[in-house]
Amino acid sequence: MFEIGTDIVFIPKVKKTIDTYKSFIKKIYTEKEIEIASQIKEPYNFYATRFAAKEAIIKAFNGKYDFSEIEILKGKMGEPLPRIKNHPEYEIKLSLSYDKEYAIASCIVQKK
């Protein structure tokens, strides 16, 4: 199996959603992701790139998983380390980027 996914989000929309709906963060992000974001002065870029990444992964799996099952942590060099909870049989390569207004993510998923 080899699948790809990509997504782009408007960072101000993510910021507005987070500021308006406090429950949004706990529905979309894991405790570890929230902990990482809490250490960042301006966490909205982090949240936006993770949102785009989760959407890209969900698209690669044709909707098989939801946001709460996907976690994207940071490696030693700051690289994204994606995983699907309770499904270690997938290898996910992920690329994230953002500028002032947009965050984008692309992924390649392969069964190990």
N, C-alpha and C. Protein backbone atom coordinates (compact mmCIF):
# COMPACT_ATOMS: atom_id res chain seq x y z
N MET A 1 0.84 -1.18 0.00
CA MET A 1 0.00 0.00 0.00
C MET A 1 0.89 1.25 0.00
N PHE A 2 0.54 2.18 -0.82
CA PHE A 2 1.26 3.43 -0.93
C PHE A 2 0.22 4.50 -1.22
N GLU A 3 0.07 5.47 -0.33
CA GLU A 3 -0.93 6.53 -0.49
C GLU A 3 -0.29 7.89 -0.23
N ILE A 4 -0.87 8.93 -0.79
CA ILE A 4 -0.40 10.29 -0.54
C ILE A 4 -1.57 11.16 -0.11
N GLY A 5 -1.25 12.25 0.58
CA GLY A 5 -2.26 13.21 0.98
C GLY A 5 -1.63 14.58 1.13
N THR A 6 -2.41 15.61 0.92
CA THR A 6 -1.92 16.98 1.11
C THR A 6 -3.07 17.85 1.59
N ASP A 7 -2.73 18.92 2.30
CA ASP A 7 -3.75 19.85 2.77
C ASP A 7 -3.10 21.20 3.02
N ILE A 8 -3.89 22.24 2.86
CA ILE A 8 -3.45 23.60 3.14
C ILE A 8 -4.54 24.27 3.98
N VAL A 9 -4.11 25.06 4.98
CA VAL A 9 -5.07 25.75 5.83
C VAL A 9 -4.68 27.22 5.94
N PHE A 10 -5.68 28.03 6.19
CA PHE A 10 -5.52 29.47 6.39
C PHE A 10 -5.29 29.69 7.89
N ILE A 11 -4.09 30.08 8.28
CA ILE A 11 -3.71 30.19 9.69
C ILE A 11 -4.65 31.11 10.48
N PRO A 12 -5.05 32.28 9.95
CA PRO A 12 -5.97 33.13 10.72
C PRO A 12 -7.30 32.42 11.04
N LYS A 13 -7.74 31.54 10.17
CA LYS A 13 -8.98 30.79 10.44
C LYS A 13 -8.77 29.81 11.60
N VAL A 14 -7.62 29.14 11.64
CA VAL A 14 -7.32 28.23 12.75
C VAL A 14 -7.26 29.03 14.05
N LYS A 15 -6.59 30.18 14.01
CA LYS A 15 -6.49 31.04 15.20
C LYS A 15 -7.87 31.46 15.70
N LYS A 16 -8.72 31.90 14.78
CA LYS A 16 -10.07 32.34 15.16
C LYS A 16 -10.87 31.18 15.74
N THR A 17 -10.74 30.00 15.16
CA THR A 17 -11.46 28.83 15.66
C THR A 17 -10.99 28.48 17.07
N ILE A 18 -9.68 28.47 17.28
CA ILE A 18 -9.13 28.17 18.60
C ILE A 18 -9.58 29.20 19.63
N ASP A 19 -9.53 30.48 19.26
CA ASP A 19 -9.91 31.55 20.19
C ASP A 19 -11.42 31.55 20.48
N THR A 20 -12.22 31.11 19.52
CA THR A 20 -13.67 31.11 19.67
C THR A 20 -14.19 29.86 20.36
N TYR A 21 -13.64 28.72 20.00
CA TYR A 21 -14.12 27.43 20.52
C TYR A 21 -13.00 26.75 21.31
N LYS A 22 -12.99 26.95 22.60
CA LYS A 22 -11.92 26.41 23.45
C LYS A 22 -11.86 24.89 23.40
N SER A 23 -12.97 24.22 23.13
CA SER A 23 -12.98 22.75 23.09
C SER A 23 -12.32 22.21 21.81
N PHE A 24 -12.11 23.07 20.83
CA PHE A 24 -11.52 22.65 19.55
C PHE A 24 -10.16 21.99 19.76
N ILE A 25 -9.32 22.58 20.59
CA ILE A 25 -7.97 22.05 20.79
C ILE A 25 -8.01 20.62 21.29
N LYS A 26 -8.83 20.33 22.28
CA LYS A 26 -8.87 18.99 22.85
C LYS A 26 -9.51 17.96 21.91
N LYS A 27 -10.32 18.42 20.96
CA LYS A 27 -10.93 17.51 20.00
C LYS A 27 -9.95 17.13 18.88
N ILE A 28 -9.04 18.02 18.55
CA ILE A 28 -8.16 17.85 17.39
C ILE A 28 -6.76 17.37 17.78
N TYR A 29 -6.24 17.86 18.88
CA TYR A 29 -4.84 17.63 19.23
C TYR A 29 -4.71 16.73 20.45
N THR A 30 -3.60 15.98 20.50
CA THR A 30 -3.35 15.10 21.64
C THR A 30 -2.75 15.91 22.79
N GLU A 31 -2.71 15.30 23.96
CA GLU A 31 -2.13 15.97 25.13
C GLU A 31 -0.67 16.35 24.88
N LYS A 32 0.08 15.47 24.23
CA LYS A 32 1.49 15.76 23.95
C LYS A 32 1.64 16.91 22.97
N GLU A 33 0.76 16.97 21.96
CA GLU A 33 0.81 18.08 21.01
C GLU A 33 0.48 19.41 21.71
N ILE A 34 -0.51 19.38 22.58
CA ILE A 34 -0.90 20.58 23.33
C ILE A 34 0.25 21.02 24.24
N GLU A 35 0.94 20.06 24.83
CA GLU A 35 2.08 20.37 25.69
C GLU A 35 3.20 21.06 24.89
N ILE A 36 3.49 20.55 23.70
CA ILE A 36 4.50 21.17 22.85
C ILE A 36 4.08 22.59 22.48
N ALA A 37 2.82 22.76 22.09
CA ALA A 37 2.33 24.08 21.69
C ALA A 37 2.38 25.07 22.84
N SER A 38 2.17 24.59 24.07
CA SER A 38 2.17 25.48 25.23
C SER A 38 3.56 26.07 25.50
N GLN A 39 4.59 25.49 24.93
CA GLN A 39 5.96 25.97 25.12
C GLN A 39 6.38 26.95 24.02
N ILE A 40 5.48 27.22 23.10
CA ILE A 40 5.77 28.10 21.97
C ILE A 40 5.08 29.44 22.20
N LYS A 41 5.82 30.53 21.98
CA LYS A 41 5.27 31.87 22.22
C LYS A 41 4.02 32.13 21.38
N GLU A 42 4.07 31.82 20.09
CA GLU A 42 2.94 31.97 19.19
C GLU A 42 2.57 30.59 18.66
N PRO A 43 1.68 29.87 19.31
CA PRO A 43 1.41 28.48 18.95
C PRO A 43 0.54 28.26 17.71
N TYR A 44 -0.01 29.31 17.12
CA TYR A 44 -0.97 29.12 16.04
C TYR A 44 -0.37 28.48 14.79
N ASN A 45 0.87 28.81 14.47
CA ASN A 45 1.52 28.15 13.33
C ASN A 45 1.68 26.66 13.59
N PHE A 46 2.05 26.31 14.81
CA PHE A 46 2.18 24.90 15.20
C PHE A 46 0.84 24.20 15.04
N TYR A 47 -0.21 24.78 15.61
CA TYR A 47 -1.54 24.17 15.51
C TYR A 47 -2.00 24.06 14.05
N ALA A 48 -1.76 25.09 13.26
CA ALA A 48 -2.19 25.08 11.86
C ALA A 48 -1.46 24.01 11.05
N THR A 49 -0.13 23.90 11.24
CA THR A 49 0.59 22.87 10.49
C THR A 49 0.16 21.47 10.91
N ARG A 50 -0.08 21.28 12.20
CA ARG A 50 -0.54 19.96 12.68
C ARG A 50 -1.94 19.65 12.15
N PHE A 51 -2.79 20.66 12.08
CA PHE A 51 -4.13 20.45 11.52
C PHE A 51 -4.03 20.02 10.06
N ALA A 52 -3.22 20.75 9.29
CA ALA A 52 -3.02 20.41 7.87
C ALA A 52 -2.44 19.01 7.73
N ALA A 53 -1.49 18.66 8.61
CA ALA A 53 -0.87 17.34 8.55
C ALA A 53 -1.89 16.24 8.83
N LYS A 54 -2.71 16.44 9.84
CA LYS A 54 -3.72 15.43 10.17
C LYS A 54 -4.72 15.28 9.02
N GLU A 55 -5.12 16.39 8.44
CA GLU A 55 -6.02 16.35 7.28
C GLU A 55 -5.36 15.59 6.12
N ALA A 56 -4.10 15.85 5.87
CA ALA A 56 -3.39 15.15 4.79
C ALA A 56 -3.34 13.65 5.05
N ILE A 57 -3.08 13.27 6.28
CA ILE A 57 -3.04 11.84 6.63
C ILE A 57 -4.42 11.22 6.51
N ILE A 58 -5.43 11.92 6.98
CA ILE A 58 -6.81 11.43 6.86
C ILE A 58 -7.17 11.24 5.39
N LYS A 59 -6.77 12.17 4.54
CA LYS A 59 -7.03 12.05 3.10
C LYS A 59 -6.30 10.85 2.51
N ALA A 60 -5.06 10.62 2.94
CA ALA A 60 -4.29 9.48 2.43
C ALA A 60 -4.98 8.16 2.77
N PHE A 61 -5.67 8.12 3.90
CA PHE A 61 -6.37 6.91 4.33
C PHE A 61 -7.86 6.94 3.96
N ASN A 62 -8.25 7.88 3.12
CA ASN A 62 -9.64 8.00 2.69
C ASN A 62 -10.62 8.08 3.86
N GLY A 63 -10.23 8.82 4.90
CA GLY A 63 -11.13 9.05 6.03
C GLY A 63 -11.19 7.94 7.05
N LYS A 64 -10.29 6.98 6.97
CA LYS A 64 -10.32 5.82 7.87
C LYS A 64 -10.07 6.19 9.34
N TYR A 65 -9.28 7.22 9.58
CA TYR A 65 -8.93 7.64 10.93
C TYR A 65 -9.45 9.04 11.19
N ASP A 66 -9.55 9.39 12.47
CA ASP A 66 -9.95 10.76 12.79
C ASP A 66 -8.81 11.49 13.49
N PHE A 67 -9.00 12.77 13.74
CA PHE A 67 -7.94 13.62 14.29
C PHE A 67 -7.35 13.07 15.58
N SER A 68 -8.19 12.55 16.46
CA SER A 68 -7.72 12.11 17.77
C SER A 68 -6.82 10.88 17.69
N GLU A 69 -6.86 10.16 16.59
CA GLU A 69 -6.03 8.97 16.43
C GLU A 69 -4.65 9.27 15.83
N ILE A 70 -4.46 10.49 15.39
CA ILE A 70 -3.21 10.89 14.73
C ILE A 70 -2.45 11.83 15.65
N GLU A 71 -1.17 11.54 15.83
CA GLU A 71 -0.33 12.39 16.66
C GLU A 71 0.93 12.75 15.89
N ILE A 72 1.32 14.02 15.99
CA ILE A 72 2.52 14.48 15.30
C ILE A 72 3.41 15.17 16.32
N LEU A 73 4.47 14.49 16.71
CA LEU A 73 5.42 15.03 17.67
C LEU A 73 6.63 15.57 16.93
N LYS A 74 7.65 16.01 17.69
CA LYS A 74 8.86 16.54 17.08
C LYS A 74 10.04 15.62 17.37
N GLY A 75 10.87 15.42 16.35
CA GLY A 75 12.10 14.66 16.51
C GLY A 75 13.21 15.54 17.06
N LYS A 76 14.39 14.97 17.22
CA LYS A 76 15.54 15.69 17.78
C LYS A 76 15.90 16.94 16.99
N MET A 77 15.72 16.89 15.69
CA MET A 77 16.07 18.03 14.83
C MET A 77 14.85 18.90 14.52
N GLY A 78 13.74 18.67 15.21
CA GLY A 78 12.52 19.43 14.98
C GLY A 78 11.64 18.87 13.89
N GLU A 79 12.05 17.75 13.30
CA GLU A 79 11.27 17.15 12.21
C GLU A 79 9.97 16.55 12.76
N PRO A 80 8.92 16.57 11.95
CA PRO A 80 7.65 16.00 12.40
C PRO A 80 7.72 14.47 12.46
N LEU A 81 7.22 13.93 13.55
CA LEU A 81 7.17 12.47 13.73
C LEU A 81 5.70 12.06 13.85
N PRO A 82 5.09 11.72 12.73
CA PRO A 82 3.67 11.35 12.76
C PRO A 82 3.48 9.87 13.11
N ARG A 83 2.36 9.59 13.75
CA ARG A 83 1.99 8.20 14.00
C ARG A 83 0.48 8.13 14.17
N ILE A 84 -0.03 6.96 13.86
CA ILE A 84 -1.43 6.68 14.08
C ILE A 84 -1.50 5.77 15.30
N LYS A 85 -2.21 6.20 16.31
CA LYS A 85 -2.28 5.44 17.55
C LYS A 85 -2.77 4.02 17.29
N ASN A 86 -2.09 3.08 17.90
CA ASN A 86 -2.43 1.65 17.83
C ASN A 86 -2.30 1.06 16.43
N HIS A 87 -1.59 1.73 15.54
CA HIS A 87 -1.37 1.22 14.19
C HIS A 87 0.08 1.46 13.76
N PRO A 88 1.02 0.75 14.40
CA PRO A 88 2.44 0.95 14.08
C PRO A 88 2.87 0.34 12.74
N GLU A 89 1.94 -0.31 12.06
CA GLU A 89 2.31 -0.97 10.80
C GLU A 89 2.44 0.00 9.63
N TYR A 90 2.16 1.28 9.86
CA TYR A 90 2.28 2.27 8.79
C TYR A 90 3.49 3.16 8.99
N GLU A 91 4.21 3.41 7.92
CA GLU A 91 5.29 4.38 7.93
C GLU A 91 4.76 5.62 7.22
N ILE A 92 4.86 6.75 7.91
CA ILE A 92 4.33 8.01 7.37
C ILE A 92 5.47 9.01 7.24
N LYS A 93 5.68 9.48 6.05
CA LYS A 93 6.63 10.56 5.79
C LYS A 93 5.83 11.83 5.64
N LEU A 94 6.26 12.88 6.32
CA LEU A 94 5.47 14.10 6.39
C LEU A 94 6.35 15.32 6.16
N SER A 95 5.84 16.24 5.36
CA SER A 95 6.52 17.51 5.13
C SER A 95 5.56 18.63 5.51
N LEU A 96 6.03 19.56 6.34
CA LEU A 96 5.21 20.68 6.81
C LEU A 96 5.88 22.00 6.46
N SER A 97 5.07 23.00 6.18
CA SER A 97 5.61 24.33 5.92
C SER A 97 4.52 25.36 6.19
N TYR A 98 4.94 26.59 6.48
CA TYR A 98 3.97 27.67 6.67
C TYR A 98 4.64 29.00 6.35
N ASP A 99 3.79 29.99 6.07
CA ASP A 99 4.25 31.37 5.94
C ASP A 99 3.32 32.20 6.83
N LYS A 100 3.14 33.47 6.55
CA LYS A 100 2.33 34.31 7.42
C LYS A 100 0.86 33.90 7.47
N GLU A 101 0.34 33.41 6.37
CA GLU A 101 -1.10 33.14 6.32
C GLU A 101 -1.48 31.68 6.09
N TYR A 102 -0.61 30.88 5.54
CA TYR A 102 -0.98 29.52 5.18
C TYR A 102 -0.02 28.49 5.75
N ALA A 103 -0.59 27.34 6.09
CA ALA A 103 0.19 26.18 6.49
C ALA A 103 -0.16 25.05 5.54
N ILE A 104 0.84 24.28 5.16
CA ILE A 104 0.63 23.19 4.21
C ILE A 104 1.32 21.93 4.72
N ALA A 105 0.74 20.80 4.38
CA ALA A 105 1.32 19.51 4.75
C ALA A 105 1.12 18.52 3.61
N SER A 106 2.12 17.70 3.40
CA SER A 106 2.04 16.61 2.43
C SER A 106 2.56 15.36 3.12
N CYS A 107 1.94 14.23 2.81
CA CYS A 107 2.39 12.98 3.41
C CYS A 107 2.39 11.84 2.41
N ILE A 108 3.23 10.90 2.68
CA ILE A 108 3.27 9.64 1.96
C ILE A 108 3.12 8.55 3.02
N VAL A 109 2.21 7.64 2.80
CA VAL A 109 1.96 6.55 3.74
C VAL A 109 2.25 5.23 3.06
N GLN A 110 2.98 4.39 3.78
CA GLN A 110 3.32 3.07 3.24
C GLN A 110 3.17 2.06 4.36
N LYS A 111 2.62 0.92 4.03
CA LYS A 111 2.52 -0.16 5.01
C LYS A 111 3.90 -0.78 5.17
N LYS A 112 4.33 -1.00 6.41
CA LYS A 112 5.67 -1.58 6.68
C LYS A 112 5.73 -3.03 6.28
